[in-house]
Amino acid sequence: MQSRLFASGFRASFLAAAVAATVLVPLWVLIWGFGWSLGTSWPPTMWHAHEMLFGFIAAAIAGFLLTAVPSWTGSRGFGGPPVMIVSGIWVAARVLIATSAHWPALLVAIVDVGFLVAVGALVAPALLRSKNRNTPLLLVLALLATCNGVTHWAIAHFDADMARHAILTGINVSLLLVTVIGGRIIPAFTANALRSAAASGQSGPAPAGLLTLPFMTPAAILSVVAVVFTDIFWPGSHLAAIAAGVAAVINAVRMLQWRSLATWRQPIVWILHLAYLWLPVGLALKCLAFFSGPAISAFWLHSLTIGVLATMIMAVMTRASLGHTGRALVVDPVIALGYGLLLMAALVRVFGLSVPGLPYPFVIVISASCWTAAFALFLAIYAPILWSPRADGKPG
């Protein structure tokens, strides 16, 4: 089992991301609601935000890149000692941060930032040699590593505002990654699914491809780049609000090309659409909040973190884990339930206080329970897949 777990880049990283998601959120509820404490010197809220981004989300990004880069470049896949080392760095970073009161801050920072640096060092040679169009994603890793380093520096110097700013930038960079990669895989997977459904008689004739306006992809990416820059230099300003509003409109229009409603029979496809839908929703709420809008917009950040990032991560992990272990691209009904629970976690966390009589602690507990159940179901179905041989007997 041990050697199989490190046979491919996605196996250990996806398992780590799922375990982190399942553990970190209920642990945060115990810290927030019941006064539990870890051996960390970090403020609890900062620990929670950092670990969700640079623990959970970063592990999922690493798994995706370590799997996708060999496919993009035609190079040999990652496995064995390099994956074991990267995974070990990730585990060490989580332990050091949880017990940071007992370690030098510089040591904790070096190990934690070193995870993303190590991932970049693995994928960079293949991307640079092949001059692949995805090579700019190395900049995404560099930006995430920089945001992580700034967060460590700010916490060590008791600068909460800078730490929050760095984490928000890291979230925005992650959303930029979703805009780029999601904008490629969602229409491609949707077109394939619709063609398969038409061939099997499940639906009417499906087109060879979806309608895609050529200018929409660069417009969507540039709009999110504008969100990144305005949040860096003019956070919370009306300019940042306008950037978010424009990006919301552009990405909503982009989605209209993808025939989302036609995917309702296939959970492994519609979950991608619903994850991306949260992007214009969250950006619109952010725009309203920055203009001192209605109370319903107050939790816009969780619409982007739970709604977009976590849901897209689960969607990609469930699909990639099947495809790269030689299994059919059909999710277990239990996983479809997990999708629903995760979407419910986002809805409750973002809009729960709009329900009359629902106290804030209940909102937190209900949302956290749905989240935890969703990722626990993922582990129940996918942990055996991730540590087992491929179903088709091929290596990897």
Protein backbone atom coordinates (compact mmCIF):
# COMPACT_ATOMS: atom_id res chain seq x y z
CA MET A 1 0.00 0.00 0.00
CA GLN A 2 2.82 2.40 0.88
CA SER A 3 4.58 2.10 -2.47
CA ARG A 4 1.28 2.33 -4.36
CA LEU A 5 0.31 5.50 -2.52
CA PHE A 6 3.41 7.22 -3.87
CA ALA A 7 3.31 5.67 -7.33
CA SER A 8 1.67 8.74 -8.86
CA GLY A 9 1.65 12.40 -7.91
CA PHE A 10 -2.08 12.65 -7.30
CA ARG A 11 -2.51 9.72 -4.90
CA ALA A 12 -0.81 10.99 -1.74
CA SER A 13 -1.65 14.65 -2.43
CA PHE A 14 -5.36 14.06 -2.94
CA LEU A 15 -5.49 11.84 0.12
CA ALA A 16 -3.67 14.52 2.14
CA ALA A 17 -6.08 17.21 0.92
CA ALA A 18 -9.11 15.10 1.85
CA VAL A 19 -7.76 14.23 5.29
CA ALA A 20 -6.94 17.89 5.92
CA ALA A 21 -10.44 18.94 4.89
CA THR A 22 -12.03 16.31 7.11
CA VAL A 23 -9.91 17.17 10.16
CA LEU A 24 -9.27 20.91 9.97
CA VAL A 25 -12.86 22.15 9.88
CA PRO A 26 -14.23 20.23 12.89
CA LEU A 27 -11.03 21.07 14.74
CA TRP A 28 -11.65 24.74 13.97
CA VAL A 29 -15.22 24.46 15.31
CA LEU A 30 -13.85 23.01 18.56
CA ILE A 31 -11.33 25.85 18.80
CA TRP A 32 -13.83 28.55 17.89
CA GLY A 33 -16.81 27.27 19.81
CA PHE A 34 -15.35 25.39 22.76
CA GLY A 35 -12.05 27.09 23.43
CA TRP A 36 -9.83 24.17 22.45
CA SER A 37 -6.22 25.13 21.90
CA LEU A 38 -3.37 23.70 19.91
CA GLY A 39 0.31 24.10 20.56
CA THR A 40 0.44 26.89 18.03
CA SER A 41 1.39 30.47 18.79
CA TRP A 42 -0.76 31.70 15.93
CA PRO A 43 -4.11 33.47 16.46
CA PRO A 44 -6.81 30.81 15.98
CA THR A 45 -8.54 32.58 13.09
CA MET A 46 -5.25 33.04 11.29
CA TRP A 47 -4.34 29.38 11.82
CA HIS A 48 -7.69 28.33 10.35
CA ALA A 49 -7.41 30.57 7.29
CA HIS A 50 -3.79 29.63 6.63
CA GLU A 51 -4.27 25.89 6.94
CA MET A 52 -7.34 25.84 4.70
CA LEU A 53 -5.40 27.66 1.99
CA PHE A 54 -1.82 26.42 2.34
CA GLY A 55 -2.70 23.03 3.83
CA PHE A 56 -5.89 21.80 2.15
CA ILE A 57 -6.01 23.82 -1.09
CA ALA A 58 -2.25 23.72 -1.70
CA ALA A 59 -2.19 19.92 -1.35
CA ALA A 60 -4.96 19.60 -3.94
CA ILE A 61 -3.17 21.98 -6.33
CA ALA A 62 0.01 19.94 -5.91
CA GLY A 63 -1.83 16.71 -6.72
CA PHE A 64 -3.37 18.25 -9.80
CA LEU A 65 -0.08 19.64 -11.14
CA LEU A 66 1.93 16.50 -10.40
CA THR A 67 -0.63 14.56 -12.42
CA ALA A 68 -1.38 17.04 -15.20
CA VAL A 69 2.16 18.15 -16.07
CA PRO A 70 3.26 14.70 -17.35
CA SER A 71 0.10 14.58 -19.49
CA TRP A 72 0.66 18.11 -20.81
CA THR A 73 4.33 17.60 -21.61
CA GLY A 74 4.53 13.91 -22.50
CA SER A 75 7.16 13.46 -19.80
CA ARG A 76 7.55 10.65 -17.31
CA GLY A 77 5.11 10.79 -14.41
CA PHE A 78 6.14 11.62 -10.88
CA GLY A 79 6.38 8.79 -8.39
CA GLY A 80 8.54 7.18 -5.75
CA PRO A 81 11.02 9.15 -3.62
CA PRO A 82 10.25 12.64 -5.07
CA VAL A 83 6.56 12.27 -4.21
CA MET A 84 7.44 10.82 -0.81
CA ILE A 85 9.69 13.81 -0.06
CA VAL A 86 7.08 16.36 -1.13
CA SER A 87 4.41 14.56 0.91
CA GLY A 88 6.74 14.45 3.92
CA ILE A 89 7.33 18.19 3.69
CA TRP A 90 3.58 18.80 3.64
CA VAL A 91 3.01 16.63 6.74
CA ALA A 92 5.96 18.21 8.57
CA ALA A 93 4.62 21.69 7.82
CA ARG A 94 1.19 20.87 9.25
CA VAL A 95 2.75 19.45 12.45
CA LEU A 96 5.14 22.38 12.86
CA ILE A 97 2.39 24.97 12.44
CA ALA A 98 0.06 23.15 14.84
CA THR A 99 2.88 23.14 17.42
CA SER A 100 4.60 26.38 16.38
CA ALA A 101 4.90 27.59 19.99
CA HIS A 102 7.68 25.03 20.41
CA TRP A 103 9.70 25.84 17.27
CA PRO A 104 11.59 28.81 15.82
CA ALA A 105 9.32 30.79 13.51
CA LEU A 106 11.95 30.70 10.76
CA LEU A 107 12.06 26.90 10.79
CA VAL A 108 8.28 26.67 10.55
CA ALA A 109 8.23 29.13 7.65
CA ILE A 110 11.03 27.41 5.72
CA VAL A 111 9.39 24.00 5.89
CA ASP A 112 5.91 25.27 5.08
CA VAL A 113 6.93 27.47 2.16
CA GLY A 114 9.27 24.70 1.07
CA PHE A 115 6.31 22.50 0.14
CA LEU A 116 5.21 24.73 -2.75
CA VAL A 117 8.84 25.33 -3.71
CA ALA A 118 9.40 21.56 -3.88
CA VAL A 119 6.32 21.07 -6.05
CA GLY A 120 7.56 23.81 -8.37
CA ALA A 121 11.01 22.21 -8.55
CA LEU A 122 9.42 18.92 -9.65
CA VAL A 123 7.16 20.28 -12.38
CA ALA A 124 9.33 23.15 -13.70
CA PRO A 125 11.87 21.12 -15.75
CA ALA A 126 9.22 19.35 -17.83
CA LEU A 127 7.26 22.55 -18.44
CA LEU A 128 10.32 24.61 -19.36
CA ARG A 129 11.85 21.94 -21.62
CA SER A 130 8.65 21.50 -23.58
CA LYS A 131 7.82 25.22 -23.68
CA ASN A 132 4.32 24.13 -22.76
CA ARG A 133 1.50 26.67 -22.82
CA ASN A 134 0.89 25.89 -19.15
CA THR A 135 4.37 27.03 -18.11
CA PRO A 136 2.95 30.32 -16.70
CA LEU A 137 1.35 28.18 -13.97
CA LEU A 138 4.82 28.18 -12.39
CA LEU A 139 4.09 31.83 -11.65
CA VAL A 140 0.96 30.75 -9.80
CA LEU A 141 3.06 28.47 -7.59
CA ALA A 142 5.59 31.26 -7.05
CA LEU A 143 2.85 33.71 -6.07
CA LEU A 144 1.29 31.21 -3.66
CA ALA A 145 4.68 30.51 -2.08
CA THR A 146 5.29 34.26 -1.75
CA CYS A 147 1.88 34.78 -0.12
CA ASN A 148 2.67 31.97 2.29
CA GLY A 149 6.05 33.48 3.15
CA VAL A 150 4.51 36.91 3.72
CA THR A 151 1.86 35.35 5.96
CA HIS A 152 4.56 33.74 8.12
CA TRP A 153 6.51 37.00 8.31
CA ALA A 154 3.40 38.99 9.24
CA ILE A 155 2.35 36.56 11.97
CA ALA A 156 5.87 36.54 13.42
CA HIS A 157 5.74 40.35 13.54
CA PHE A 158 2.14 40.51 14.88
CA ASP A 159 0.87 42.25 11.74
CA ALA A 160 -2.61 40.79 11.40
CA ASP A 161 -3.62 43.09 8.54
CA MET A 162 -0.67 42.03 6.39
CA ALA A 163 -1.34 38.37 7.14
CA ARG A 164 -4.99 38.70 6.11
CA HIS A 165 -3.93 40.60 2.99
CA ALA A 166 -1.47 37.85 2.02
CA ILE A 167 -4.06 35.11 2.55
CA LEU A 168 -6.67 36.99 0.49
CA THR A 169 -4.10 37.34 -2.29
CA GLY A 170 -3.42 33.62 -2.10
CA ILE A 171 -7.15 32.91 -2.39
CA ASN A 172 -7.38 35.20 -5.42
CA VAL A 173 -4.42 33.49 -7.08
CA SER A 174 -6.15 30.14 -6.50
CA LEU A 175 -9.31 31.55 -8.11
CA LEU A 176 -7.21 32.62 -11.08
CA LEU A 177 -6.05 29.02 -11.41
CA VAL A 178 -9.70 27.86 -11.41
CA THR A 179 -10.51 30.45 -14.07
CA VAL A 180 -7.72 29.20 -16.34
CA ILE A 181 -7.97 25.43 -15.81
CA GLY A 182 -11.70 25.29 -15.15
CA GLY A 183 -12.31 27.25 -18.32
CA ARG A 184 -10.54 24.51 -20.26
CA ILE A 185 -11.76 21.33 -18.63
CA ILE A 186 -15.41 22.19 -18.01
CA PRO A 187 -16.42 22.75 -21.66
CA ALA A 188 -14.21 19.86 -22.80
CA PHE A 189 -15.63 17.39 -20.29
CA THR A 190 -19.15 18.67 -20.94
CA ALA A 191 -18.87 18.21 -24.70
CA ASN A 192 -17.53 14.67 -24.20
CA ALA A 193 -20.32 13.84 -21.78
CA LEU A 194 -23.03 15.17 -24.09
CA ARG A 195 -21.64 13.24 -27.05
CA SER A 196 -21.53 10.05 -24.97
CA ALA A 197 -25.09 10.62 -23.76
CA ALA A 198 -26.30 11.14 -27.33
CA ALA A 199 -24.49 8.03 -28.53
CA SER A 200 -26.08 5.94 -25.80
CA GLY A 201 -29.54 7.33 -26.48
CA GLN A 202 -29.83 9.13 -23.13
CA SER A 203 -30.43 12.48 -24.81
CA GLY A 204 -31.00 14.06 -28.17
CA PRO A 205 -28.24 14.79 -30.67
CA ALA A 206 -25.28 16.57 -29.14
CA PRO A 207 -22.98 18.95 -31.01
CA ALA A 208 -19.35 18.07 -31.59
CA GLY A 209 -18.40 20.95 -29.35
CA LEU A 210 -19.95 23.74 -27.34
CA LEU A 211 -20.28 27.29 -28.55
CA THR A 212 -17.19 29.15 -27.41
CA LEU A 213 -16.64 32.80 -28.19
CA PRO A 214 -12.87 33.22 -28.61
CA PHE A 215 -12.65 36.48 -26.70
CA MET A 216 -14.41 35.16 -23.59
CA THR A 217 -11.48 33.14 -22.26
CA PRO A 218 -8.94 36.00 -22.21
CA ALA A 219 -11.64 38.36 -20.94
CA ALA A 220 -12.47 36.03 -18.04
CA ILE A 221 -8.83 35.51 -17.13
CA LEU A 222 -7.96 39.21 -17.34
CA SER A 223 -11.00 40.10 -15.23
CA VAL A 224 -9.79 37.84 -12.42
CA VAL A 225 -6.24 39.20 -12.82
CA ALA A 226 -7.78 42.65 -12.25
CA VAL A 227 -9.39 41.32 -9.06
CA VAL A 228 -5.99 40.08 -7.88
CA PHE A 229 -4.29 43.43 -8.53
CA THR A 230 -7.00 45.65 -7.08
CA ASP A 231 -7.13 43.54 -3.92
CA ILE A 232 -3.35 43.81 -3.57
CA PHE A 233 -3.07 47.56 -4.07
CA TRP A 234 -6.54 48.91 -3.20
CA PRO A 235 -8.14 46.31 -0.90
CA GLY A 236 -11.71 46.97 0.12
CA SER A 237 -11.97 49.99 -2.20
CA HIS A 238 -14.67 50.91 -4.67
CA LEU A 239 -12.18 50.11 -7.43
CA ALA A 240 -11.81 46.58 -6.03
CA ALA A 241 -15.61 46.36 -5.91
CA ILE A 242 -15.91 47.38 -9.55
CA ALA A 243 -13.25 44.85 -10.57
CA ALA A 244 -15.15 42.11 -8.73
CA GLY A 245 -18.45 43.15 -10.31
CA VAL A 246 -17.02 43.20 -13.83
CA ALA A 247 -15.37 39.80 -13.29
CA ALA A 248 -18.69 38.43 -12.01
CA VAL A 249 -20.54 39.51 -15.15
CA ILE A 250 -17.85 38.25 -17.55
CA ASN A 251 -17.59 34.84 -15.89
CA ALA A 252 -21.36 34.49 -15.74
CA VAL A 253 -21.59 35.19 -19.47
CA ARG A 254 -18.74 32.75 -20.05
CA MET A 255 -20.76 30.01 -18.35
CA LEU A 256 -23.72 30.58 -20.67
CA GLN A 257 -21.64 28.95 -23.44
CA TRP A 258 -21.29 25.66 -21.57
CA ARG A 259 -24.85 24.20 -21.62
CA SER A 260 -24.79 23.61 -17.88
CA LEU A 261 -28.42 22.50 -17.64
CA ALA A 262 -27.84 19.66 -20.11
CA THR A 263 -25.48 17.95 -17.65
CA TRP A 264 -28.02 17.27 -14.92
CA ARG A 265 -27.95 13.48 -15.46
CA GLN A 266 -24.18 13.25 -14.80
CA PRO A 267 -23.03 14.32 -11.33
CA ILE A 268 -19.34 14.10 -12.28
CA VAL A 269 -20.00 16.86 -14.82
CA TRP A 270 -22.61 19.07 -13.19
CA ILE A 271 -20.53 19.47 -10.05
CA LEU A 272 -17.88 21.22 -12.17
CA HIS A 273 -20.50 23.65 -13.43
CA LEU A 274 -21.89 24.36 -9.98
CA ALA A 275 -18.40 24.93 -8.60
CA TYR A 276 -17.66 27.46 -11.32
CA LEU A 277 -21.08 29.09 -10.85
CA TRP A 278 -20.00 30.11 -7.37
CA LEU A 279 -17.29 32.29 -8.96
CA PRO A 280 -19.64 34.92 -10.44
CA VAL A 281 -21.93 34.58 -7.41
CA GLY A 282 -19.09 35.17 -4.95
CA LEU A 283 -17.59 38.03 -6.95
CA ALA A 284 -21.00 39.69 -7.20
CA LEU A 285 -21.48 39.38 -3.43
CA LYS A 286 -17.99 40.82 -2.92
CA CYS A 287 -18.87 43.77 -5.13
CA LEU A 288 -22.00 44.44 -3.09
CA ALA A 289 -20.14 44.09 0.20
CA PHE A 290 -17.43 46.56 -0.82
CA PHE A 291 -20.15 49.05 -1.71
CA SER A 292 -21.64 48.55 1.80
CA GLY A 293 -24.39 46.48 0.31
CA PRO A 294 -27.00 44.24 1.97
CA ALA A 295 -26.13 41.97 4.87
CA ILE A 296 -26.60 38.95 2.60
CA SER A 297 -23.26 39.84 0.96
CA ALA A 298 -21.23 39.80 4.20
CA PHE A 299 -19.89 36.28 3.78
CA TRP A 300 -18.77 36.63 0.17
CA LEU A 301 -15.35 35.18 1.01
CA HIS A 302 -16.81 31.78 1.91
CA SER A 303 -18.70 31.68 -1.37
CA LEU A 304 -15.30 31.80 -3.06
CA THR A 305 -13.48 29.44 -0.71
CA ILE A 306 -16.14 26.80 -0.02
CA GLY A 307 -18.27 27.37 -3.10
CA VAL A 308 -15.56 27.72 -5.75
CA LEU A 309 -12.30 26.31 -4.44
CA ALA A 310 -13.42 23.44 -2.20
CA THR A 311 -16.18 22.30 -4.56
CA MET A 312 -13.90 22.46 -7.61
CA ILE A 313 -11.26 20.53 -5.68
CA MET A 314 -13.70 17.76 -4.82
CA ALA A 315 -14.97 17.71 -8.41
CA VAL A 316 -11.48 17.40 -9.87
CA MET A 317 -10.24 14.91 -7.26
CA THR A 318 -13.18 12.57 -7.81
CA ARG A 319 -12.82 12.67 -11.59
CA ALA A 320 -9.00 12.53 -11.79
CA SER A 321 -8.77 9.71 -9.25
CA LEU A 322 -11.09 7.57 -11.36
CA GLY A 323 -9.50 8.40 -14.68
CA HIS A 324 -5.91 7.96 -13.53
CA THR A 325 -6.60 4.63 -11.84
CA GLY A 326 -8.20 3.07 -14.91
CA ARG A 327 -11.79 3.31 -13.70
CA ALA A 328 -14.94 4.44 -15.47
CA LEU A 329 -15.78 8.13 -15.10
CA VAL A 330 -18.95 7.49 -13.14
CA VAL A 331 -19.13 8.53 -9.50
CA ASP A 332 -20.67 6.42 -6.79
CA PRO A 333 -24.08 7.70 -5.60
CA VAL A 334 -22.45 8.26 -2.20
CA ILE A 335 -20.14 10.80 -3.83
CA ALA A 336 -23.11 12.53 -5.48
CA LEU A 337 -24.47 12.88 -1.95
CA GLY A 338 -21.10 14.29 -0.93
CA TYR A 339 -21.36 16.87 -3.70
CA GLY A 340 -24.74 17.91 -2.36
CA LEU A 341 -23.48 18.16 1.20
CA LEU A 342 -20.56 20.36 0.16
CA LEU A 343 -22.86 22.64 -1.81
CA MET A 344 -25.12 22.81 1.23
CA ALA A 345 -22.11 23.74 3.40
CA ALA A 346 -21.45 26.69 1.10
CA LEU A 347 -25.10 27.79 0.96
CA VAL A 348 -25.51 27.66 4.73
CA ARG A 349 -22.21 29.42 5.46
CA VAL A 350 -22.90 32.22 2.98
CA PHE A 351 -26.64 32.71 3.33
CA GLY A 352 -27.51 31.01 6.64
CA LEU A 353 -27.86 34.22 8.63
CA SER A 354 -30.55 35.34 6.18
CA VAL A 355 -32.80 32.62 7.62
CA PRO A 356 -34.89 34.22 10.38
CA GLY A 357 -34.12 32.88 13.83
CA LEU A 358 -31.02 30.90 12.86
CA PRO A 359 -28.21 31.91 15.26
CA TYR A 360 -24.69 32.36 13.98
CA PRO A 361 -23.28 29.42 16.00
CA PHE A 362 -25.86 27.15 14.37
CA VAL A 363 -24.80 28.40 10.95
CA ILE A 364 -21.19 27.48 11.71
CA VAL A 365 -22.05 24.04 13.10
CA ILE A 366 -24.46 23.12 10.27
CA SER A 367 -22.07 24.26 7.57
CA ALA A 368 -19.09 22.53 9.21
CA SER A 369 -21.08 19.33 9.64
CA CYS A 370 -22.08 19.27 5.96
CA TRP A 371 -18.48 19.99 4.93
CA THR A 372 -17.03 17.29 7.17
CA ALA A 373 -19.58 14.70 6.08
CA ALA A 374 -18.86 15.48 2.41
CA PHE A 375 -15.12 14.89 2.71
CA ALA A 376 -15.62 11.90 5.02
CA LEU A 377 -17.70 10.31 2.26
CA PHE A 378 -14.93 11.12 -0.20
CA LEU A 379 -12.42 9.33 2.02
CA ALA A 380 -14.72 6.33 2.47
CA ILE A 381 -14.97 5.79 -1.30
CA TYR A 382 -11.68 7.14 -2.58
CA ALA A 383 -9.08 6.28 0.05
CA PRO A 384 -9.13 2.60 -1.05
CA ILE A 385 -8.90 3.74 -4.69
CA LEU A 386 -5.94 6.01 -3.96
CA TRP A 387 -3.87 3.34 -2.21
CA SER A 388 -4.89 0.42 -4.46
CA PRO A 389 -3.43 -0.65 -7.83
CA ARG A 390 -4.99 0.65 -11.02
CA ALA A 391 -8.10 -1.23 -12.05
CA ASP A 392 -6.69 -1.85 -15.52
CA GLY A 393 -3.41 -3.31 -14.24
CA LYS A 394 -1.26 -0.53 -15.73
CA PRO A 395 1.54 1.08 -13.69
CA GLY A 396 0.93 4.32 -11.86
